[in-house]
Amino acid sequence: MKYLIGILIIGCLVLAACSFKPVYADDNSIKKRMITKTYVCATHKFLTDDLKNKHEEVRKGYGISHNNNIVEIFVNKEKKTWTIIFTGTDGISCGLTGGRRGFTFEDSVFEKEL
């Protein structure tokens, strides 16, 4: 359950980073935004093997979205890089976003949950 909260927080951060118009403090309404982006996609095995072998990232958490996509986060602790991917019901995985630094996960949480 704790890893799912982490994924939700990361998802919120990603959506906030992709917003094109700032929401000011005096505006308390919720806004919908259409965000168009091209993703890099491949089979789940190919994409996760690439993250493991080329970028030395390992899966640290996952969750299932409201539309049955699997959302996973991969992390390289030494290089301090991370990648978030999603996999649709068709088995195709796409890289959603990635970056460096910004947050850490406690390994003990994931060892118990995964």
N, C-alpha and C. Protein backbone atom coordinates (compact mmCIF):
# COMPACT_ATOMS: atom_id res chain seq x y z
N MET A 1 0.82 -1.19 0.00
CA MET A 1 0.00 0.00 0.00
C MET A 1 0.86 1.26 0.00
N LYS A 2 2.00 1.21 0.72
CA LYS A 2 2.86 2.38 0.80
C LYS A 2 3.45 2.73 -0.56
N TYR A 3 3.81 1.69 -1.37
CA TYR A 3 4.37 1.98 -2.69
C TYR A 3 3.32 2.59 -3.60
N LEU A 4 2.07 2.23 -3.44
CA LEU A 4 1.01 2.79 -4.27
C LEU A 4 0.85 4.28 -3.99
N ILE A 5 1.00 4.69 -2.75
CA ILE A 5 0.94 6.11 -2.41
C ILE A 5 2.08 6.84 -3.09
N GLY A 6 3.25 6.23 -3.11
CA GLY A 6 4.40 6.84 -3.79
C GLY A 6 4.14 7.02 -5.27
N ILE A 7 3.56 6.01 -5.91
CA ILE A 7 3.23 6.09 -7.34
C ILE A 7 2.21 7.20 -7.57
N LEU A 8 1.21 7.31 -6.71
CA LEU A 8 0.20 8.35 -6.87
C LEU A 8 0.81 9.73 -6.73
N ILE A 9 1.71 9.90 -5.78
CA ILE A 9 2.37 11.19 -5.61
C ILE A 9 3.19 11.52 -6.84
N ILE A 10 3.92 10.54 -7.36
CA ILE A 10 4.73 10.77 -8.55
C ILE A 10 3.84 11.13 -9.73
N GLY A 11 2.71 10.44 -9.86
CA GLY A 11 1.77 10.75 -10.94
C GLY A 11 1.27 12.17 -10.86
N CYS A 12 0.96 12.62 -9.66
CA CYS A 12 0.52 14.00 -9.47
C CYS A 12 1.62 14.98 -9.84
N LEU A 13 2.86 14.66 -9.48
CA LEU A 13 3.98 15.53 -9.83
C LEU A 13 4.17 15.60 -11.33
N VAL A 14 4.04 14.45 -12.02
CA VAL A 14 4.17 14.42 -13.47
C VAL A 14 3.09 15.27 -14.12
N LEU A 15 1.86 15.12 -13.69
CA LEU A 15 0.77 15.92 -14.26
C LEU A 15 0.97 17.40 -13.99
N ALA A 16 1.44 17.74 -12.81
CA ALA A 16 1.69 19.14 -12.49
C ALA A 16 2.81 19.71 -13.37
N ALA A 17 3.84 18.89 -13.61
CA ALA A 17 4.96 19.35 -14.43
C ALA A 17 4.56 19.54 -15.89
N CYS A 18 3.56 18.80 -16.35
CA CYS A 18 3.14 18.87 -17.74
C CYS A 18 2.10 19.96 -18.00
N SER A 19 1.63 20.63 -16.98
CA SER A 19 0.62 21.66 -17.17
C SER A 19 1.23 22.83 -17.93
N PHE A 20 0.44 23.40 -18.82
CA PHE A 20 0.94 24.49 -19.65
C PHE A 20 0.55 25.86 -19.11
N LYS A 21 -0.44 25.95 -18.27
CA LYS A 21 -0.89 27.21 -17.72
C LYS A 21 -0.86 27.11 -16.20
N PRO A 22 -0.21 28.05 -15.53
CA PRO A 22 -0.16 27.96 -14.07
C PRO A 22 -1.53 28.16 -13.45
N VAL A 23 -1.77 27.48 -12.34
CA VAL A 23 -2.99 27.69 -11.56
C VAL A 23 -2.58 28.53 -10.36
N TYR A 24 -3.18 29.69 -10.24
CA TYR A 24 -2.78 30.63 -9.20
C TYR A 24 -3.48 30.29 -7.88
N ALA A 25 -2.89 30.78 -6.79
CA ALA A 25 -3.38 30.45 -5.45
C ALA A 25 -4.83 30.90 -5.23
N ASP A 26 -5.26 31.96 -5.90
CA ASP A 26 -6.62 32.44 -5.68
C ASP A 26 -7.66 31.70 -6.52
N ASP A 27 -7.22 30.77 -7.38
CA ASP A 27 -8.13 30.00 -8.23
C ASP A 27 -8.33 28.62 -7.61
N ASN A 28 -9.48 28.39 -6.96
CA ASN A 28 -9.72 27.14 -6.24
C ASN A 28 -10.45 26.10 -7.07
N SER A 29 -10.69 26.35 -8.34
CA SER A 29 -11.41 25.38 -9.16
C SER A 29 -10.45 24.37 -9.79
N ILE A 30 -10.98 23.20 -10.10
CA ILE A 30 -10.21 22.16 -10.76
C ILE A 30 -10.34 22.34 -12.26
N LYS A 31 -9.23 22.25 -12.95
CA LYS A 31 -9.20 22.44 -14.40
C LYS A 31 -8.83 21.13 -15.08
N LYS A 32 -9.43 20.86 -16.23
CA LYS A 32 -9.03 19.73 -17.06
C LYS A 32 -8.11 20.25 -18.15
N ARG A 33 -7.08 19.47 -18.47
CA ARG A 33 -6.14 19.86 -19.50
C ARG A 33 -5.94 18.70 -20.46
N MET A 34 -5.88 19.00 -21.73
CA MET A 34 -5.54 18.00 -22.75
C MET A 34 -4.05 18.09 -22.98
N ILE A 35 -3.35 16.99 -22.70
CA ILE A 35 -1.90 16.95 -22.89
C ILE A 35 -1.60 15.90 -23.95
N THR A 36 -1.00 16.33 -25.04
CA THR A 36 -0.65 15.41 -26.12
C THR A 36 0.84 15.18 -26.07
N LYS A 37 1.23 13.92 -26.07
CA LYS A 37 2.65 13.57 -25.99
C LYS A 37 2.87 12.27 -26.75
N THR A 38 4.03 12.14 -27.38
CA THR A 38 4.42 10.91 -28.05
C THR A 38 5.28 10.10 -27.09
N TYR A 39 4.95 8.82 -26.93
CA TYR A 39 5.67 7.95 -26.02
C TYR A 39 6.53 6.96 -26.78
N VAL A 40 7.62 6.52 -26.15
CA VAL A 40 8.44 5.44 -26.67
C VAL A 40 7.86 4.14 -26.13
N CYS A 41 7.43 3.24 -27.02
CA CYS A 41 6.74 2.01 -26.59
C CYS A 41 7.38 0.77 -27.20
N ALA A 42 7.26 -0.33 -26.49
CA ALA A 42 7.76 -1.64 -26.94
C ALA A 42 7.08 -2.69 -26.08
N THR A 43 7.41 -3.95 -26.32
CA THR A 43 6.87 -4.99 -25.45
C THR A 43 7.41 -4.77 -24.03
N HIS A 44 6.68 -5.24 -23.04
CA HIS A 44 7.09 -5.06 -21.65
C HIS A 44 8.47 -5.65 -21.41
N LYS A 45 8.73 -6.84 -21.92
CA LYS A 45 10.02 -7.50 -21.71
C LYS A 45 11.16 -6.69 -22.33
N PHE A 46 10.96 -6.22 -23.55
CA PHE A 46 12.01 -5.44 -24.21
C PHE A 46 12.31 -4.17 -23.44
N LEU A 47 11.27 -3.44 -23.03
CA LEU A 47 11.46 -2.17 -22.35
C LEU A 47 12.10 -2.36 -20.97
N THR A 48 11.63 -3.34 -20.21
CA THR A 48 12.19 -3.55 -18.87
C THR A 48 13.61 -4.12 -18.95
N ASP A 49 13.90 -4.97 -19.95
CA ASP A 49 15.27 -5.45 -20.15
C ASP A 49 16.21 -4.30 -20.48
N ASP A 50 15.71 -3.34 -21.29
CA ASP A 50 16.52 -2.17 -21.64
C ASP A 50 16.81 -1.32 -20.40
N LEU A 51 15.81 -1.12 -19.57
CA LEU A 51 16.02 -0.35 -18.34
C LEU A 51 17.02 -1.05 -17.42
N LYS A 52 16.94 -2.36 -17.36
CA LYS A 52 17.83 -3.13 -16.50
C LYS A 52 19.25 -3.15 -17.06
N ASN A 53 19.40 -3.52 -18.33
CA ASN A 53 20.74 -3.73 -18.91
C ASN A 53 21.44 -2.44 -19.32
N LYS A 54 20.72 -1.53 -19.93
CA LYS A 54 21.35 -0.31 -20.45
C LYS A 54 21.44 0.79 -19.40
N HIS A 55 20.41 0.91 -18.55
CA HIS A 55 20.36 2.00 -17.59
C HIS A 55 20.56 1.54 -16.15
N GLU A 56 20.66 0.21 -15.95
CA GLU A 56 20.87 -0.39 -14.63
C GLU A 56 19.80 0.04 -13.63
N GLU A 57 18.57 0.18 -14.10
CA GLU A 57 17.45 0.54 -13.22
C GLU A 57 16.66 -0.71 -12.88
N VAL A 58 16.21 -0.80 -11.64
CA VAL A 58 15.41 -1.93 -11.19
C VAL A 58 14.05 -1.43 -10.72
N ARG A 59 13.05 -2.28 -10.82
CA ARG A 59 11.70 -1.89 -10.41
C ARG A 59 11.63 -1.74 -8.90
N LYS A 60 11.09 -0.60 -8.47
CA LYS A 60 10.95 -0.32 -7.05
C LYS A 60 9.51 -0.18 -6.62
N GLY A 61 8.58 -0.16 -7.55
CA GLY A 61 7.18 -0.04 -7.18
C GLY A 61 6.29 -0.18 -8.41
N TYR A 62 5.04 -0.53 -8.15
CA TYR A 62 4.07 -0.63 -9.24
C TYR A 62 2.67 -0.47 -8.69
N GLY A 63 1.74 -0.18 -9.57
CA GLY A 63 0.34 -0.06 -9.20
C GLY A 63 -0.52 -0.22 -10.45
N ILE A 64 -1.81 -0.36 -10.25
CA ILE A 64 -2.74 -0.51 -11.37
C ILE A 64 -3.63 0.73 -11.41
N SER A 65 -3.69 1.37 -12.58
CA SER A 65 -4.48 2.59 -12.72
C SER A 65 -5.96 2.27 -12.87
N HIS A 66 -6.78 3.31 -12.89
CA HIS A 66 -8.23 3.15 -13.00
C HIS A 66 -8.65 2.49 -14.31
N ASN A 67 -7.83 2.58 -15.36
CA ASN A 67 -8.17 1.95 -16.64
C ASN A 67 -7.34 0.69 -16.90
N ASN A 68 -6.89 0.05 -15.83
CA ASN A 68 -6.18 -1.23 -15.85
C ASN A 68 -4.80 -1.19 -16.51
N ASN A 69 -4.19 -0.02 -16.62
CA ASN A 69 -2.79 0.05 -17.01
C ASN A 69 -1.94 -0.25 -15.78
N ILE A 70 -0.83 -0.92 -15.99
CA ILE A 70 0.13 -1.13 -14.91
C ILE A 70 1.15 0.00 -14.99
N VAL A 71 1.35 0.69 -13.86
CA VAL A 71 2.30 1.79 -13.78
C VAL A 71 3.45 1.31 -12.90
N GLU A 72 4.68 1.43 -13.42
CA GLU A 72 5.85 0.95 -12.68
C GLU A 72 6.90 2.05 -12.60
N ILE A 73 7.67 2.04 -11.52
CA ILE A 73 8.80 2.96 -11.40
C ILE A 73 10.07 2.14 -11.25
N PHE A 74 11.08 2.52 -12.03
CA PHE A 74 12.39 1.88 -12.02
C PHE A 74 13.41 2.91 -11.55
N VAL A 75 14.36 2.47 -10.71
CA VAL A 75 15.31 3.39 -10.09
C VAL A 75 16.72 2.82 -10.17
N ASN A 76 17.69 3.70 -10.39
CA ASN A 76 19.11 3.36 -10.26
C ASN A 76 19.63 4.20 -9.10
N LYS A 77 19.88 3.56 -7.96
CA LYS A 77 20.29 4.29 -6.75
C LYS A 77 21.66 4.95 -6.91
N GLU A 78 22.59 4.28 -7.62
CA GLU A 78 23.93 4.84 -7.75
C GLU A 78 23.94 6.08 -8.64
N LYS A 79 23.26 6.00 -9.78
CA LYS A 79 23.21 7.14 -10.70
C LYS A 79 22.12 8.14 -10.34
N LYS A 80 21.25 7.74 -9.41
CA LYS A 80 20.12 8.57 -8.96
C LYS A 80 19.21 8.95 -10.12
N THR A 81 18.90 7.95 -10.96
CA THR A 81 17.97 8.15 -12.07
C THR A 81 16.72 7.33 -11.82
N TRP A 82 15.62 7.70 -12.49
CA TRP A 82 14.36 6.98 -12.35
C TRP A 82 13.58 7.09 -13.65
N THR A 83 12.73 6.09 -13.87
CA THR A 83 11.88 6.03 -15.05
C THR A 83 10.52 5.49 -14.64
N ILE A 84 9.46 6.08 -15.16
CA ILE A 84 8.10 5.58 -14.94
C ILE A 84 7.57 5.08 -16.27
N ILE A 85 7.09 3.83 -16.29
CA ILE A 85 6.49 3.27 -17.49
C ILE A 85 5.06 2.83 -17.20
N PHE A 86 4.26 2.72 -18.24
CA PHE A 86 2.93 2.14 -18.09
C PHE A 86 2.74 1.07 -19.14
N THR A 87 1.99 0.04 -18.79
CA THR A 87 1.73 -1.08 -19.68
C THR A 87 0.23 -1.22 -19.83
N GLY A 88 -0.24 -1.20 -21.08
CA GLY A 88 -1.66 -1.34 -21.36
C GLY A 88 -2.10 -2.78 -21.32
N THR A 89 -3.39 -3.00 -21.46
CA THR A 89 -3.94 -4.36 -21.43
C THR A 89 -3.49 -5.17 -22.64
N ASP A 90 -2.93 -4.50 -23.65
CA ASP A 90 -2.41 -5.20 -24.84
C ASP A 90 -0.97 -5.70 -24.64
N GLY A 91 -0.36 -5.41 -23.49
CA GLY A 91 0.99 -5.88 -23.19
C GLY A 91 2.09 -4.96 -23.71
N ILE A 92 1.72 -3.85 -24.31
CA ILE A 92 2.71 -2.89 -24.79
C ILE A 92 3.00 -1.88 -23.68
N SER A 93 4.29 -1.65 -23.43
CA SER A 93 4.73 -0.73 -22.39
C SER A 93 5.28 0.54 -23.03
N CYS A 94 5.05 1.66 -22.36
CA CYS A 94 5.53 2.95 -22.85
C CYS A 94 6.22 3.70 -21.71
N GLY A 95 7.31 4.37 -22.05
CA GLY A 95 7.99 5.21 -21.08
C GLY A 95 7.20 6.49 -20.89
N LEU A 96 6.74 6.75 -19.67
CA LEU A 96 5.95 7.94 -19.40
C LEU A 96 6.85 9.14 -19.15
N THR A 97 7.81 8.97 -18.25
CA THR A 97 8.74 10.05 -17.93
C THR A 97 9.92 9.48 -17.17
N GLY A 98 10.93 10.26 -16.99
CA GLY A 98 12.11 9.85 -16.25
C GLY A 98 12.90 11.07 -15.84
N GLY A 99 13.90 10.87 -15.00
CA GLY A 99 14.70 12.00 -14.58
C GLY A 99 15.79 11.60 -13.62
N ARG A 100 16.33 12.62 -12.98
CA ARG A 100 17.41 12.42 -12.01
C ARG A 100 17.03 13.10 -10.71
N ARG A 101 17.45 12.49 -9.64
CA ARG A 101 17.27 13.03 -8.28
C ARG A 101 15.81 13.27 -7.96
N GLY A 102 15.53 14.03 -6.95
CA GLY A 102 14.18 14.45 -6.65
C GLY A 102 13.52 13.73 -5.50
N PHE A 103 13.77 12.44 -5.33
CA PHE A 103 13.12 11.70 -4.26
C PHE A 103 13.87 10.40 -4.02
N THR A 104 13.60 9.78 -2.89
CA THR A 104 14.18 8.48 -2.58
C THR A 104 13.10 7.56 -2.05
N PHE A 105 13.34 6.27 -2.17
CA PHE A 105 12.46 5.27 -1.61
C PHE A 105 13.24 4.48 -0.57
N GLU A 106 12.54 4.04 0.45
CA GLU A 106 13.17 3.16 1.42
C GLU A 106 13.09 1.74 0.89
N ASP A 107 14.24 1.09 0.74
CA ASP A 107 14.27 -0.28 0.21
C ASP A 107 13.43 -1.23 1.04
N SER A 108 13.45 -1.08 2.35
CA SER A 108 12.74 -2.02 3.21
C SER A 108 11.23 -2.03 2.91
N VAL A 109 10.67 -0.88 2.52
CA VAL A 109 9.24 -0.83 2.20
C VAL A 109 8.94 -1.73 1.01
N PHE A 110 9.78 -1.66 -0.02
CA PHE A 110 9.52 -2.42 -1.23
C PHE A 110 9.83 -3.90 -1.07
N GLU A 111 10.81 -4.23 -0.26
CA GLU A 111 11.09 -5.64 -0.02
C GLU A 111 9.91 -6.33 0.63
N LYS A 112 9.20 -5.64 1.49
CA LYS A 112 8.04 -6.23 2.16
C LYS A 112 6.83 -6.27 1.23
N GLU A 113 6.62 -5.21 0.43
CA GLU A 113 5.43 -5.09 -0.39
C GLU A 113 5.50 -5.90 -1.68
N LEU A 114 6.65 -5.94 -2.32
CA LEU A 114 6.76 -6.64 -3.60
C LEU A 114 7.09 -8.05 -3.33
